[in-house]
C-alpha atoms as a PDB file:
ATOM      1  CA  UNK A   1     273.259 147.840  70.445  1.00  0.00           C
ATOM      2  CA  UNK A   2     270.481 150.405  70.327  1.00  0.00           C
ATOM      3  CA  UNK A   3     269.783 152.849  72.945  1.00  0.00           C
ATOM      4  CA  UNK A   4     266.446 151.198  73.625  1.00  0.00           C
ATOM      5  CA  UNK A   5     268.331 147.850  74.067  1.00  0.00           C
ATOM      6  CA  UNK A   6     270.699 149.565  76.662  1.00  0.00           C
ATOM      7  CA  UNK A   7     267.781 151.347  78.689  1.00  0.00           C
ATOM      8  CA  UNK A   8     266.055 148.099  78.632  1.00  0.00           C
ATOM      9  CA  UNK A   9     268.784 146.061  80.142  1.00  0.00           C
ATOM     10  CA  UNK A  10     269.387 148.878  82.526  1.00  0.00           C
ATOM     11  CA  UNK A  11     265.830 148.629  83.955  1.00  0.00           C
ATOM     12  CA  UNK A  12     266.083 145.136  84.070  1.00  0.00           C
ATOM     13  CA  UNK A  13     269.325 145.134  85.959  1.00  0.00           C
ATOM     14  CA  UNK A  14     267.438 147.723  88.449  1.00  0.00           C
ATOM     15  CA  UNK A  15     264.645 145.312  88.836  1.00  0.00           C
ATOM     16  CA  UNK A  16     267.059 142.656  89.900  1.00  0.00           C
ATOM     17  CA  UNK A  17     269.098 145.012  92.306  1.00  0.00           C
ATOM     18  CA  UNK A  18     265.663 146.166  93.698  1.00  0.00           C
ATOM     19  CA  UNK A  19     264.811 142.663  94.681  1.00  0.00           C
ATOM     20  CA  UNK A  20     268.031 141.380  96.025  1.00  0.00           C
ATOM     21  CA  UNK A  21     267.619 140.304  99.662  1.00  0.00           C
ATOM     22  CA  UNK A  22     271.276 139.596 100.756  1.00  0.00           C
ATOM     23  CA  UNK A  23     273.452 142.454 101.651  1.00  0.00           C
ATOM     24  CA  UNK A  24     276.223 143.511  99.516  1.00  0.00           C
ATOM     25  CA  UNK A  25     279.560 144.978 100.487  1.00  0.00           C
ATOM     26  CA  UNK A  26     279.464 148.519 101.270  1.00  0.00           C
ATOM     27  CA  UNK A  27     281.947 149.474  98.397  1.00  0.00           C
ATOM     28  CA  UNK A  28     279.729 147.439  95.870  1.00  0.00           C
ATOM     29  CA  UNK A  29     276.712 149.179  97.118  1.00  0.00           C
ATOM     30  CA  UNK A  30     278.423 152.520  96.635  1.00  0.00           C
ATOM     31  CA  UNK A  31     279.409 151.702  93.169  1.00  0.00           C
ATOM     32  CA  UNK A  32     275.920 150.415  92.139  1.00  0.00           C
ATOM     33  CA  UNK A  33     274.477 153.790  93.479  1.00  0.00           C
ATOM     34  CA  UNK A  34     277.087 156.031  91.915  1.00  0.00           C
ATOM     35  CA  UNK A  35     276.188 154.394  88.567  1.00  0.00           C
ATOM     36  CA  UNK A  36     272.651 154.480  89.077  1.00  0.00           C
ATOM     37  CA  UNK A  37     272.559 158.294  89.845  1.00  0.00           C
ATOM     38  CA  UNK A  38     275.053 159.103  86.992  1.00  0.00           C
ATOM     39  CA  UNK A  39     272.689 156.924  84.700  1.00  0.00           C
ATOM     40  CA  UNK A  40     269.707 158.737  85.690  1.00  0.00           C
ATOM     41  CA  UNK A  41     270.662 162.231  86.899  1.00  0.00           C
ATOM     42  CA  UNK A  42     273.869 162.920  85.232  1.00  0.00           C
ATOM     43  CA  UNK A  43     276.993 164.467  87.129  1.00  0.00           C
ATOM     44  CA  UNK A  44     276.429 165.952  90.410  1.00  0.00           C
ATOM     45  CA  UNK A  45     277.130 169.296  90.765  1.00  0.00           C
ATOM     46  CA  UNK A  46     280.098 170.133  93.070  1.00  0.00           C
ATOM     47  CA  UNK A  47     279.029 171.651  96.654  1.00  0.00           C
ATOM     48  CA  UNK A  48     275.407 170.265  96.276  1.00  0.00           C
ATOM     49  CA  UNK A  49     273.444 170.368  99.277  1.00  0.00           C
ATOM     50  CA  UNK A  50     275.445 167.771 101.405  1.00  0.00           C
ATOM     51  CA  UNK A  51     274.769 167.422 105.138  1.00  0.00           C
ATOM     52  CA  UNK A  52     278.324 167.186 106.311  1.00  0.00           C
ATOM     53  CA  UNK A  53     277.080 165.676 109.538  1.00  0.00           C
ATOM     54  CA  UNK A  54     275.495 162.634 107.521  1.00  0.00           C
ATOM     55  CA  UNK A  55     278.570 160.399 106.777  1.00  0.00           C
ATOM     56  CA  UNK A  56     276.422 158.027 104.796  1.00  0.00           C
ATOM     57  CA  UNK A  57     275.219 160.635 102.455  1.00  0.00           C
ATOM     58  CA  UNK A  58     278.752 162.227 102.147  1.00  0.00           C
ATOM     59  CA  UNK A  59     280.095 158.805 101.131  1.00  0.00           C
ATOM     60  CA  UNK A  60     277.287 158.461  98.421  1.00  0.00           C
ATOM     61  CA  UNK A  61     277.810 161.860  97.044  1.00  0.00           C
ATOM     62  CA  UNK A  62     281.649 161.261  96.967  1.00  0.00           C
ATOM     63  CA  UNK A  63     281.161 157.731  95.020  1.00  0.00           C
ATOM     64  CA  UNK A  64     278.732 159.732  92.766  1.00  0.00           C
ATOM     65  CA  UNK A  65     281.342 162.520  91.992  1.00  0.00           C
ATOM     66  CA  UNK A  66     284.120 159.988  91.289  1.00  0.00           C
ATOM     67  CA  UNK A  67     281.981 158.800  88.200  1.00  0.00           C
ATOM     68  CA  UNK A  68     281.308 162.332  86.789  1.00  0.00           C
ATOM     69  CA  UNK A  69     283.344 161.565  83.691  1.00  0.00           C
ATOM     70  CA  UNK A  70     280.989 158.881  82.554  1.00  0.00           C
ATOM     71  CA  UNK A  71     278.215 159.661  80.282  1.00  0.00           C
ATOM     72  CA  UNK A  72     274.661 158.148  81.322  1.00  0.00           C
ATOM     73  CA  UNK A  73     275.295 155.405  78.730  1.00  0.00           C
ATOM     74  CA  UNK A  74     278.499 154.586  80.149  1.00  0.00           C
ATOM     75  CA  UNK A  75     276.921 154.365  83.737  1.00  0.00           C
ATOM     76  CA  UNK A  76     274.303 152.368  82.504  1.00  0.00           C
ATOM     77  CA  UNK A  77     276.523 149.809  81.081  1.00  0.00           C
ATOM     78  CA  UNK A  78     278.854 149.642  83.977  1.00  0.00           C
ATOM     79  CA  UNK A  79     275.513 149.297  86.438  1.00  0.00           C
ATOM     80  CA  UNK A  80     274.523 146.528  84.380  1.00  0.00           C
ATOM     81  CA  UNK A  81     277.972 144.772  84.482  1.00  0.00           C
ATOM     82  CA  UNK A  82     277.965 145.068  88.185  1.00  0.00           C
ATOM     83  CA  UNK A  83     274.775 143.497  88.802  1.00  0.00           C
ATOM     84  CA  UNK A  84     275.539 140.751  86.482  1.00  0.00           C
ATOM     85  CA  UNK A  85     278.876 140.189  88.072  1.00  0.00           C
ATOM     86  CA  UNK A  86     277.210 140.227  91.615  1.00  0.00           C
ATOM     87  CA  UNK A  87     274.334 137.729  90.738  1.00  0.00           C
ATOM     88  CA  UNK A  88     276.739 135.513  88.825  1.00  0.00           C
ATOM     89  CA  UNK A  89     278.915 135.468  91.947  1.00  0.00           C
ATOM     90  CA  UNK A  90     275.727 134.543  94.080  1.00  0.00           C
ATOM     91  CA  UNK A  91     275.223 131.287  91.778  1.00  0.00           C
ATOM     92  CA  UNK A  92     278.633 130.047  92.434  1.00  0.00           C
END
């Protein structure tokens, strides 16, 4: 598969995720967020400006740090797989 194919599939999955109307479990939302950030921004730098009073952002940053070992392409593939899994389970 070419990089363009992966990028196209990633942005198609992003479009699907952006148009989801049902709430997803928090752990799935964090996983989707972390894969997206890793795919589009690369690894988070340790001790980035995180407001320690904001628990929601702390969870998001923690999720992103946990996938820091992934390359952007690996994160894109996992993002796509996660969106496909969520949408296929909604059809059942």
